[in-house]
Amino acid sequence: MSLKPKNVSIVFYVSDILRTESFYNETLGLGLERMEGAEPFWLQGSIENGPGLIFFQQDGKRGDTPAIVFELDEGGIDDVVSELAQKGVNIVTPVSEAPGGWSADFLDPDGFGLGLWQSGELPRSVK
């Protein structure tokens, strides 16, 4: 199993989700949608022909956010994370539950945070 992302999103951890919603929707006109599955809620949207944007209200420190998250469309997140670990990639957060599915976090060679996300409707392993 190799990493063949379907989509990519940029994830931000913000201190005030209502302020963020107002700024990105009213000031920038992006039309972010409120999503359920995190408290209080999370925001999701995209830029035409660009990456998805996701905002969670939670504590974050410089270096944690923004993060690039690759979406897997064929399942097998457990297989991909195992393959990355075998290649010496630093896995920061093993596969765990995330809104709507499963996620895992890892670092690139310079220490930048990257992540994987997979829908809960897809199998965690295809082996």
N, C-alpha and C. Protein backbone atom coordinates (compact mmCIF):
# COMPACT_ATOMS: atom_id res chain seq x y z
N MET A 1 0.86 -1.18 0.00
CA MET A 1 0.00 0.00 0.00
C MET A 1 0.90 1.23 0.00
N SER A 2 0.67 2.12 -0.90
CA SER A 2 1.44 3.36 -0.89
C SER A 2 0.49 4.54 -0.78
N LEU A 3 1.03 5.64 -0.33
CA LEU A 3 0.25 6.85 -0.13
C LEU A 3 -0.10 7.46 -1.48
N LYS A 4 -1.38 7.48 -1.79
CA LYS A 4 -1.88 8.11 -3.01
C LYS A 4 -3.05 8.98 -2.59
N PRO A 5 -2.77 10.20 -2.10
CA PRO A 5 -3.85 11.03 -1.57
C PRO A 5 -4.86 11.43 -2.63
N LYS A 6 -6.10 11.51 -2.20
CA LYS A 6 -7.21 11.95 -3.04
C LYS A 6 -7.31 13.47 -3.00
N ASN A 7 -7.23 14.03 -1.83
CA ASN A 7 -7.35 15.47 -1.60
C ASN A 7 -6.36 15.88 -0.53
N VAL A 8 -6.19 17.18 -0.40
CA VAL A 8 -5.35 17.71 0.67
C VAL A 8 -6.10 18.87 1.33
N SER A 9 -5.96 18.97 2.64
CA SER A 9 -6.56 20.06 3.39
C SER A 9 -5.52 20.69 4.29
N ILE A 10 -5.71 21.96 4.57
CA ILE A 10 -4.88 22.67 5.54
C ILE A 10 -5.72 22.83 6.79
N VAL A 11 -5.20 22.34 7.92
CA VAL A 11 -5.93 22.35 9.18
C VAL A 11 -5.33 23.39 10.12
N PHE A 12 -6.21 24.24 10.67
CA PHE A 12 -5.81 25.27 11.62
C PHE A 12 -6.46 24.98 12.97
N TYR A 13 -5.70 25.14 14.06
CA TYR A 13 -6.25 25.10 15.42
C TYR A 13 -6.39 26.55 15.85
N VAL A 14 -7.61 26.95 16.18
CA VAL A 14 -7.90 28.35 16.48
C VAL A 14 -8.43 28.51 17.90
N SER A 15 -8.23 29.68 18.47
CA SER A 15 -8.64 29.92 19.85
C SER A 15 -10.12 30.30 19.97
N ASP A 16 -10.73 30.84 18.92
CA ASP A 16 -12.12 31.29 18.98
C ASP A 16 -12.79 30.95 17.64
N ILE A 17 -13.56 29.87 17.62
CA ILE A 17 -14.15 29.39 16.38
C ILE A 17 -15.18 30.37 15.81
N LEU A 18 -15.92 31.08 16.68
CA LEU A 18 -16.90 32.05 16.19
C LEU A 18 -16.21 33.23 15.51
N ARG A 19 -15.13 33.71 16.09
CA ARG A 19 -14.36 34.80 15.48
C ARG A 19 -13.79 34.34 14.14
N THR A 20 -13.28 33.12 14.10
CA THR A 20 -12.74 32.56 12.86
C THR A 20 -13.82 32.45 11.79
N GLU A 21 -15.00 31.95 12.18
CA GLU A 21 -16.11 31.81 11.25
C GLU A 21 -16.49 33.16 10.65
N SER A 22 -16.60 34.17 11.49
CA SER A 22 -16.94 35.51 11.03
C SER A 22 -15.89 36.06 10.07
N PHE A 23 -14.61 35.93 10.42
CA PHE A 23 -13.54 36.46 9.58
C PHE A 23 -13.53 35.80 8.20
N TYR A 24 -13.51 34.47 8.17
CA TYR A 24 -13.37 33.79 6.89
C TYR A 24 -14.64 33.86 6.05
N ASN A 25 -15.82 33.90 6.69
CA ASN A 25 -17.06 33.98 5.92
C ASN A 25 -17.42 35.41 5.54
N GLU A 26 -17.40 36.32 6.51
CA GLU A 26 -17.86 37.68 6.25
C GLU A 26 -16.77 38.57 5.65
N THR A 27 -15.55 38.45 6.16
CA THR A 27 -14.48 39.32 5.68
C THR A 27 -13.90 38.81 4.36
N LEU A 28 -13.63 37.50 4.30
CA LEU A 28 -13.01 36.93 3.09
C LEU A 28 -14.01 36.30 2.13
N GLY A 29 -15.24 36.04 2.58
CA GLY A 29 -16.27 35.49 1.71
C GLY A 29 -16.05 34.06 1.27
N LEU A 30 -15.44 33.23 2.14
CA LEU A 30 -15.14 31.85 1.74
C LEU A 30 -16.30 30.88 1.86
N GLY A 31 -17.28 31.18 2.68
CA GLY A 31 -18.42 30.28 2.82
C GLY A 31 -18.11 28.97 3.52
N LEU A 32 -17.40 29.05 4.65
CA LEU A 32 -17.12 27.84 5.44
C LEU A 32 -18.41 27.29 6.02
N GLU A 33 -18.50 25.97 6.11
CA GLU A 33 -19.68 25.32 6.68
C GLU A 33 -19.39 24.83 8.08
N ARG A 34 -20.40 24.95 8.95
CA ARG A 34 -20.30 24.35 10.29
C ARG A 34 -20.50 22.86 10.18
N MET A 35 -19.63 22.11 10.84
CA MET A 35 -19.69 20.65 10.81
C MET A 35 -19.80 20.15 12.25
N GLU A 36 -20.53 19.06 12.43
CA GLU A 36 -20.68 18.44 13.74
C GLU A 36 -19.62 17.35 13.92
N GLY A 37 -19.32 17.01 15.16
CA GLY A 37 -18.38 15.93 15.44
C GLY A 37 -17.22 16.37 16.30
N ALA A 38 -17.14 17.65 16.60
CA ALA A 38 -16.13 18.18 17.52
C ALA A 38 -16.83 19.27 18.32
N GLU A 39 -16.41 19.51 19.52
CA GLU A 39 -17.03 20.54 20.34
C GLU A 39 -16.25 21.83 20.23
N PRO A 40 -16.85 22.99 20.01
CA PRO A 40 -18.29 23.13 19.84
C PRO A 40 -18.78 22.70 18.45
N PHE A 41 -18.05 22.92 17.43
CA PHE A 41 -18.28 22.46 16.07
C PHE A 41 -16.99 22.77 15.33
N TRP A 42 -16.85 22.35 14.10
CA TRP A 42 -15.68 22.70 13.33
C TRP A 42 -16.11 23.28 12.00
N LEU A 43 -15.22 23.95 11.33
CA LEU A 43 -15.53 24.62 10.07
C LEU A 43 -14.77 23.95 8.94
N GLN A 44 -15.43 23.87 7.78
CA GLN A 44 -14.80 23.26 6.62
C GLN A 44 -15.20 24.03 5.37
N GLY A 45 -14.28 24.20 4.48
CA GLY A 45 -14.54 24.84 3.20
C GLY A 45 -13.37 24.59 2.28
N SER A 46 -13.42 25.22 1.12
CA SER A 46 -12.31 25.07 0.19
C SER A 46 -12.24 26.30 -0.70
N ILE A 47 -11.11 26.44 -1.32
CA ILE A 47 -10.88 27.49 -2.29
C ILE A 47 -10.98 26.82 -3.65
N GLU A 48 -11.66 27.44 -4.61
CA GLU A 48 -11.82 26.83 -5.93
C GLU A 48 -10.46 26.40 -6.48
N ASN A 49 -10.40 25.15 -6.90
CA ASN A 49 -9.18 24.55 -7.44
C ASN A 49 -8.02 24.58 -6.44
N GLY A 50 -8.33 24.65 -5.16
CA GLY A 50 -7.28 24.70 -4.15
C GLY A 50 -7.54 23.68 -3.06
N PRO A 51 -6.76 23.77 -2.01
CA PRO A 51 -6.91 22.81 -0.91
C PRO A 51 -8.15 23.09 -0.07
N GLY A 52 -8.56 22.08 0.68
CA GLY A 52 -9.62 22.28 1.65
C GLY A 52 -9.06 23.03 2.85
N LEU A 53 -9.94 23.73 3.55
CA LEU A 53 -9.56 24.45 4.77
C LEU A 53 -10.43 23.91 5.90
N ILE A 54 -9.79 23.56 7.02
CA ILE A 54 -10.50 23.03 8.18
C ILE A 54 -10.02 23.79 9.41
N PHE A 55 -10.98 24.14 10.28
CA PHE A 55 -10.67 24.89 11.49
C PHE A 55 -11.30 24.19 12.69
N PHE A 56 -10.47 23.88 13.69
CA PHE A 56 -10.92 23.31 14.96
C PHE A 56 -10.59 24.30 16.06
N GLN A 57 -11.50 24.45 17.03
CA GLN A 57 -11.20 25.25 18.21
C GLN A 57 -10.50 24.36 19.21
N GLN A 58 -9.22 24.59 19.41
CA GLN A 58 -8.45 23.87 20.42
C GLN A 58 -7.10 24.55 20.57
N ASP A 59 -6.46 24.25 21.67
CA ASP A 59 -5.14 24.82 21.90
C ASP A 59 -4.16 24.28 20.87
N GLY A 60 -3.33 25.14 20.40
CA GLY A 60 -2.29 24.74 19.48
C GLY A 60 -1.10 25.66 19.70
N LYS A 61 0.05 25.17 19.35
CA LYS A 61 1.24 26.02 19.48
C LYS A 61 1.89 26.14 18.11
N ARG A 62 2.67 27.16 17.96
CA ARG A 62 3.36 27.36 16.69
C ARG A 62 4.12 26.08 16.35
N GLY A 63 3.96 25.64 15.12
CA GLY A 63 4.55 24.38 14.70
C GLY A 63 3.52 23.25 14.60
N ASP A 64 2.42 23.37 15.39
CA ASP A 64 1.34 22.39 15.31
C ASP A 64 0.34 22.74 14.22
N THR A 65 0.26 24.02 13.89
CA THR A 65 -0.77 24.50 12.99
C THR A 65 -0.24 25.64 12.15
N PRO A 66 -0.57 25.78 10.89
CA PRO A 66 -1.43 24.83 10.19
C PRO A 66 -0.71 23.53 9.89
N ALA A 67 -1.50 22.51 9.65
CA ALA A 67 -0.97 21.20 9.28
C ALA A 67 -1.56 20.80 7.93
N ILE A 68 -0.82 20.07 7.15
CA ILE A 68 -1.30 19.56 5.87
C ILE A 68 -1.82 18.14 6.12
N VAL A 69 -3.04 17.87 5.68
CA VAL A 69 -3.65 16.55 5.88
C VAL A 69 -4.05 15.99 4.52
N PHE A 70 -3.55 14.79 4.24
CA PHE A 70 -3.85 14.10 2.99
C PHE A 70 -5.01 13.13 3.21
N GLU A 71 -6.00 13.17 2.32
CA GLU A 71 -7.14 12.26 2.42
C GLU A 71 -6.88 11.01 1.58
N LEU A 72 -7.09 9.86 2.20
CA LEU A 72 -6.96 8.59 1.49
C LEU A 72 -8.34 8.19 0.97
N ASP A 73 -8.44 7.81 -0.29
CA ASP A 73 -9.75 7.48 -0.85
C ASP A 73 -9.96 5.99 -1.09
N GLU A 74 -8.96 5.16 -0.79
CA GLU A 74 -9.10 3.73 -1.01
C GLU A 74 -9.06 2.94 0.30
N GLY A 75 -8.97 3.60 1.41
CA GLY A 75 -8.85 2.90 2.68
C GLY A 75 -7.43 2.45 2.94
N GLY A 76 -7.27 1.70 4.01
CA GLY A 76 -5.96 1.16 4.34
C GLY A 76 -5.06 2.08 5.12
N ILE A 77 -5.64 2.97 5.94
CA ILE A 77 -4.80 3.91 6.70
C ILE A 77 -3.81 3.18 7.61
N ASP A 78 -4.22 2.05 8.19
CA ASP A 78 -3.29 1.29 9.03
C ASP A 78 -2.10 0.80 8.21
N ASP A 79 -2.36 0.36 6.98
CA ASP A 79 -1.30 -0.14 6.11
C ASP A 79 -0.33 0.98 5.72
N VAL A 80 -0.88 2.15 5.40
CA VAL A 80 -0.04 3.28 4.99
C VAL A 80 0.84 3.73 6.16
N VAL A 81 0.27 3.85 7.36
CA VAL A 81 1.06 4.28 8.52
C VAL A 81 2.14 3.26 8.83
N SER A 82 1.83 1.99 8.73
CA SER A 82 2.83 0.94 8.96
C SER A 82 3.97 1.05 7.94
N GLU A 83 3.62 1.29 6.69
CA GLU A 83 4.64 1.44 5.65
C GLU A 83 5.52 2.67 5.90
N LEU A 84 4.89 3.77 6.32
CA LEU A 84 5.67 4.97 6.64
C LEU A 84 6.64 4.70 7.78
N ALA A 85 6.17 4.03 8.83
CA ALA A 85 7.02 3.72 9.97
C ALA A 85 8.19 2.83 9.55
N GLN A 86 7.94 1.86 8.68
CA GLN A 86 9.00 0.98 8.19
C GLN A 86 10.06 1.75 7.40
N LYS A 87 9.65 2.87 6.81
CA LYS A 87 10.58 3.72 6.05
C LYS A 87 11.29 4.73 6.95
N GLY A 88 11.06 4.64 8.26
CA GLY A 88 11.74 5.51 9.21
C GLY A 88 11.05 6.84 9.48
N VAL A 89 9.81 7.00 9.01
CA VAL A 89 9.07 8.23 9.25
C VAL A 89 8.65 8.29 10.71
N ASN A 90 8.79 9.48 11.33
CA ASN A 90 8.41 9.70 12.72
C ASN A 90 6.89 9.83 12.82
N ILE A 91 6.23 8.80 13.34
CA ILE A 91 4.78 8.82 13.53
C ILE A 91 4.51 9.50 14.88
N VAL A 92 3.83 10.62 14.84
CA VAL A 92 3.56 11.41 16.04
C VAL A 92 2.30 10.91 16.75
N THR A 93 1.25 10.66 15.98
CA THR A 93 0.00 10.14 16.52
C THR A 93 -0.41 8.93 15.70
N PRO A 94 -0.48 7.75 16.31
CA PRO A 94 -0.90 6.57 15.55
C PRO A 94 -2.35 6.72 15.09
N VAL A 95 -2.80 5.80 14.30
CA VAL A 95 -4.18 5.85 13.79
C VAL A 95 -5.14 5.94 14.97
N SER A 96 -6.01 6.93 14.92
CA SER A 96 -6.99 7.14 15.98
C SER A 96 -8.26 7.73 15.39
N GLU A 97 -9.33 7.70 16.18
CA GLU A 97 -10.60 8.24 15.71
C GLU A 97 -10.49 9.73 15.47
N ALA A 98 -11.18 10.19 14.42
CA ALA A 98 -11.26 11.60 14.07
C ALA A 98 -12.69 11.86 13.59
N PRO A 99 -13.12 13.11 13.53
CA PRO A 99 -14.48 13.36 13.03
C PRO A 99 -14.70 12.71 11.66
N GLY A 100 -15.65 11.79 11.60
CA GLY A 100 -16.01 11.15 10.35
C GLY A 100 -15.11 10.01 9.91
N GLY A 101 -14.10 9.67 10.69
CA GLY A 101 -13.23 8.60 10.25
C GLY A 101 -12.03 8.38 11.13
N TRP A 102 -10.88 8.23 10.50
CA TRP A 102 -9.62 7.90 11.17
C TRP A 102 -8.53 8.84 10.72
N SER A 103 -7.58 9.11 11.61
CA SER A 103 -6.47 9.99 11.25
C SER A 103 -5.18 9.49 11.90
N ALA A 104 -4.08 10.00 11.39
CA ALA A 104 -2.75 9.74 11.96
C ALA A 104 -1.88 10.94 11.60
N ASP A 105 -0.91 11.24 12.45
CA ASP A 105 -0.02 12.38 12.23
C ASP A 105 1.43 11.90 12.19
N PHE A 106 2.22 12.56 11.34
CA PHE A 106 3.63 12.23 11.21
C PHE A 106 4.40 13.48 10.83
N LEU A 107 5.74 13.37 10.84
CA LEU A 107 6.60 14.52 10.53
C LEU A 107 7.37 14.27 9.25
N ASP A 108 7.58 15.36 8.50
CA ASP A 108 8.47 15.24 7.34
C ASP A 108 9.91 15.37 7.85
N PRO A 109 10.91 15.25 6.99
CA PRO A 109 12.31 15.28 7.46
C PRO A 109 12.72 16.56 8.18
N ASP A 110 12.00 17.69 7.92
CA ASP A 110 12.32 18.94 8.60
C ASP A 110 11.46 19.19 9.83
N GLY A 111 10.63 18.22 10.19
CA GLY A 111 9.81 18.35 11.38
C GLY A 111 8.47 19.02 11.16
N PHE A 112 8.06 19.23 9.90
CA PHE A 112 6.75 19.81 9.63
C PHE A 112 5.68 18.75 9.83
N GLY A 113 4.57 19.15 10.47
CA GLY A 113 3.49 18.21 10.74
C GLY A 113 2.67 17.91 9.51
N LEU A 114 2.48 16.63 9.24
CA LEU A 114 1.63 16.15 8.16
C LEU A 114 0.66 15.15 8.74
N GLY A 115 -0.45 14.93 8.06
CA GLY A 115 -1.42 13.98 8.57
C GLY A 115 -2.11 13.24 7.46
N LEU A 116 -2.78 12.18 7.86
CA LEU A 116 -3.62 11.39 6.98
C LEU A 116 -5.01 11.37 7.56
N TRP A 117 -6.02 11.36 6.71
CA TRP A 117 -7.40 11.19 7.14
C TRP A 117 -8.08 10.25 6.18
N GLN A 118 -8.93 9.39 6.74
CA GLN A 118 -9.68 8.43 5.93
C GLN A 118 -11.09 8.34 6.47
N SER A 119 -12.06 8.28 5.60
CA SER A 119 -13.45 8.12 5.99
C SER A 119 -13.63 6.83 6.79
N GLY A 120 -14.49 6.90 7.78
CA GLY A 120 -14.82 5.74 8.58
C GLY A 120 -15.56 4.66 7.80
N GLU A 121 -16.05 5.00 6.61
CA GLU A 121 -16.76 4.03 5.78
C GLU A 121 -15.79 3.11 5.02
N LEU A 122 -14.51 3.46 4.98
CA LEU A 122 -13.52 2.66 4.28
C LEU A 122 -12.79 1.74 5.25
N PRO A 123 -12.27 0.62 4.78
CA PRO A 123 -11.56 -0.31 5.67
C PRO A 123 -10.24 0.27 6.14
N ARG A 124 -9.91 0.04 7.41
CA ARG A 124 -8.64 0.53 7.96
C ARG A 124 -7.45 -0.22 7.36
N SER A 125 -7.67 -1.45 6.94
CA SER A 125 -6.60 -2.24 6.32
C SER A 125 -7.17 -2.92 5.08
N VAL A 126 -6.35 -2.96 4.03
CA VAL A 126 -6.78 -3.64 2.81
C VAL A 126 -5.91 -4.84 2.51
N LYS A 127 -5.04 -5.20 3.47
CA LYS A 127 -4.17 -6.36 3.29
C LYS A 127 -4.84 -7.61 3.75
